[in-house]
Amino acid sequence: MQSVITSKFQTTIPKGVRERLKLSIHDTLEWKVDQGKIVVLPVQKEFLKYRNRIKTGPGKIEDDIHLARQQRLKKYR
């Protein structure tokens, strides 16, 4: 597969590569130069693999504020 570098030094990732690596809009790529070759790797967002795994109920903001204030007081004592 090939792609062209534009006058703004941009290029398009070929569709086959995007599909194989499951890339989508706003994904991040890491570029490396290794012995005269360009290596492009998708940056894996590890925390996303846990998405929808933890279920929580509605919280109580007053309790959260109270807990945060207590922890802050302990920090400065």
C-alpha atoms as a PDB file:
ATOM      1  CA  MET A   1       0.000   0.000   0.000  1.00  0.00           C
ATOM      2  CA  GLN A   2       1.130   3.501  -0.732  1.00  0.00           C
ATOM      3  CA  SER A   3       0.125   7.024   0.201  1.00  0.00           C
ATOM      4  CA  VAL A   4       1.328  10.440  -0.902  1.00  0.00           C
ATOM      5  CA  ILE A   5       2.756  13.174   1.334  1.00  0.00           C
ATOM      6  CA  THR A   6       1.019  16.501   0.665  1.00  0.00           C
ATOM      7  CA  SER A   7       2.606  19.974   0.588  1.00  0.00           C
ATOM      8  CA  LYS A   8       1.645  20.281   4.288  1.00  0.00           C
ATOM      9  CA  PHE A   9       3.460  16.996   5.028  1.00  0.00           C
ATOM     10  CA  GLN A  10       0.184  15.167   5.641  1.00  0.00           C
ATOM     11  CA  THR A  11      -0.720  11.713   4.416  1.00  0.00           C
ATOM     12  CA  THR A  12      -3.746   9.436   4.410  1.00  0.00           C
ATOM     13  CA  ILE A  13      -3.650   6.114   6.214  1.00  0.00           C
ATOM     14  CA  PRO A  14      -4.826   3.504   3.704  1.00  0.00           C
ATOM     15  CA  LYS A  15      -8.237   1.991   4.456  1.00  0.00           C
ATOM     16  CA  GLY A  16      -6.819  -1.534   4.764  1.00  0.00           C
ATOM     17  CA  VAL A  17      -4.374  -0.389   7.461  1.00  0.00           C
ATOM     18  CA  ARG A  18      -7.067   1.548   9.350  1.00  0.00           C
ATOM     19  CA  GLU A  19      -9.377  -1.459   9.345  1.00  0.00           C
ATOM     20  CA  ARG A  20      -6.700  -3.954  10.322  1.00  0.00           C
ATOM     21  CA  LEU A  21      -5.505  -1.820  13.244  1.00  0.00           C
ATOM     22  CA  LYS A  22      -9.069  -0.739  14.119  1.00  0.00           C
ATOM     23  CA  LEU A  23      -8.129   2.944  13.946  1.00  0.00           C
ATOM     24  CA  SER A  24     -10.749   5.637  14.193  1.00  0.00           C
ATOM     25  CA  ILE A  25     -11.007   9.406  14.411  1.00  0.00           C
ATOM     26  CA  HIS A  26      -9.002  10.969  17.282  1.00  0.00           C
ATOM     27  CA  ASP A  27      -6.831   7.878  17.809  1.00  0.00           C
ATOM     28  CA  THR A  28      -3.189   8.637  18.512  1.00  0.00           C
ATOM     29  CA  LEU A  29      -0.242   7.303  16.525  1.00  0.00           C
ATOM     30  CA  GLU A  30       3.351   7.035  17.672  1.00  0.00           C
ATOM     31  CA  TRP A  31       6.052   7.570  15.047  1.00  0.00           C
ATOM     32  CA  LYS A  32       9.529   6.039  15.366  1.00  0.00           C
ATOM     33  CA  VAL A  33      12.555   5.909  13.114  1.00  0.00           C
ATOM     34  CA  ASP A  34      14.261   2.504  13.299  1.00  0.00           C
ATOM     35  CA  GLN A  35      17.358   1.852  11.181  1.00  0.00           C
ATOM     36  CA  GLY A  36      16.208   4.130   8.369  1.00  0.00           C
ATOM     37  CA  LYS A  37      12.604   2.899   8.443  1.00  0.00           C
ATOM     38  CA  ILE A  38       9.535   4.690   9.710  1.00  0.00           C
ATOM     39  CA  VAL A  39       7.487   2.682  12.186  1.00  0.00           C
ATOM     40  CA  VAL A  40       4.001   3.916  13.038  1.00  0.00           C
ATOM     41  CA  LEU A  41       2.219   2.341  16.004  1.00  0.00           C
ATOM     42  CA  PRO A  42      -1.237   2.976  17.412  1.00  0.00           C
ATOM     43  CA  VAL A  43      -1.124   4.172  21.012  1.00  0.00           C
ATOM     44  CA  GLN A  44      -3.250   1.800  23.040  1.00  0.00           C
ATOM     45  CA  LYS A  45      -5.467   3.417  25.625  1.00  0.00           C
ATOM     46  CA  GLU A  46      -5.426   0.716  28.274  1.00  0.00           C
ATOM     47  CA  PHE A  47      -8.150   2.243  30.403  1.00  0.00           C
ATOM     48  CA  LEU A  48     -10.682   1.895  27.580  1.00  0.00           C
ATOM     49  CA  LYS A  49     -10.592  -1.892  27.781  1.00  0.00           C
ATOM     50  CA  TYR A  50     -12.368  -1.593  31.151  1.00  0.00           C
ATOM     51  CA  ARG A  51     -15.193   0.509  29.734  1.00  0.00           C
ATOM     52  CA  ASN A  52     -18.643  -0.573  30.993  1.00  0.00           C
ATOM     53  CA  ARG A  53     -17.126  -3.142  33.371  1.00  0.00           C
ATOM     54  CA  ILE A  54     -17.835  -1.295  36.613  1.00  0.00           C
ATOM     55  CA  LYS A  55     -21.406  -0.405  37.404  1.00  0.00           C
ATOM     56  CA  THR A  56     -22.097   2.307  39.957  1.00  0.00           C
ATOM     57  CA  GLY A  57     -25.299   3.697  41.290  1.00  0.00           C
ATOM     58  CA  PRO A  58     -26.166   7.329  41.814  1.00  0.00           C
ATOM     59  CA  GLY A  59     -23.864   9.067  44.265  1.00  0.00           C
ATOM     60  CA  LYS A  60     -24.468  11.622  46.964  1.00  0.00           C
ATOM     61  CA  ILE A  61     -22.515  14.779  46.235  1.00  0.00           C
ATOM     62  CA  GLU A  62     -22.806  15.983  49.846  1.00  0.00           C
ATOM     63  CA  ASP A  63     -21.112  12.811  51.120  1.00  0.00           C
ATOM     64  CA  ASP A  64     -18.365  13.136  48.499  1.00  0.00           C
ATOM     65  CA  ILE A  65     -17.695  16.772  49.446  1.00  0.00           C
ATOM     66  CA  HIS A  66     -17.596  15.887  53.159  1.00  0.00           C
ATOM     67  CA  LEU A  67     -15.158  13.005  52.525  1.00  0.00           C
ATOM     68  CA  ALA A  68     -12.912  15.203  50.363  1.00  0.00           C
ATOM     69  CA  ARG A  69     -12.793  17.898  53.049  1.00  0.00           C
ATOM     70  CA  GLN A  70     -11.888  15.351  55.730  1.00  0.00           C
ATOM     71  CA  GLN A  71      -9.083  13.946  53.595  1.00  0.00           C
ATOM     72  CA  ARG A  72      -7.750  17.433  52.923  1.00  0.00           C
ATOM     73  CA  LEU A  73      -7.753  18.242  56.669  1.00  0.00           C
ATOM     74  CA  LYS A  74      -5.785  15.048  57.404  1.00  0.00           C
ATOM     75  CA  LYS A  75      -3.242  16.024  54.750  1.00  0.00           C
ATOM     76  CA  TYR A  76      -2.495  19.381  56.413  1.00  0.00           C
ATOM     77  CA  ARG A  77      -2.406  18.201  60.033  1.00  0.00           C
END
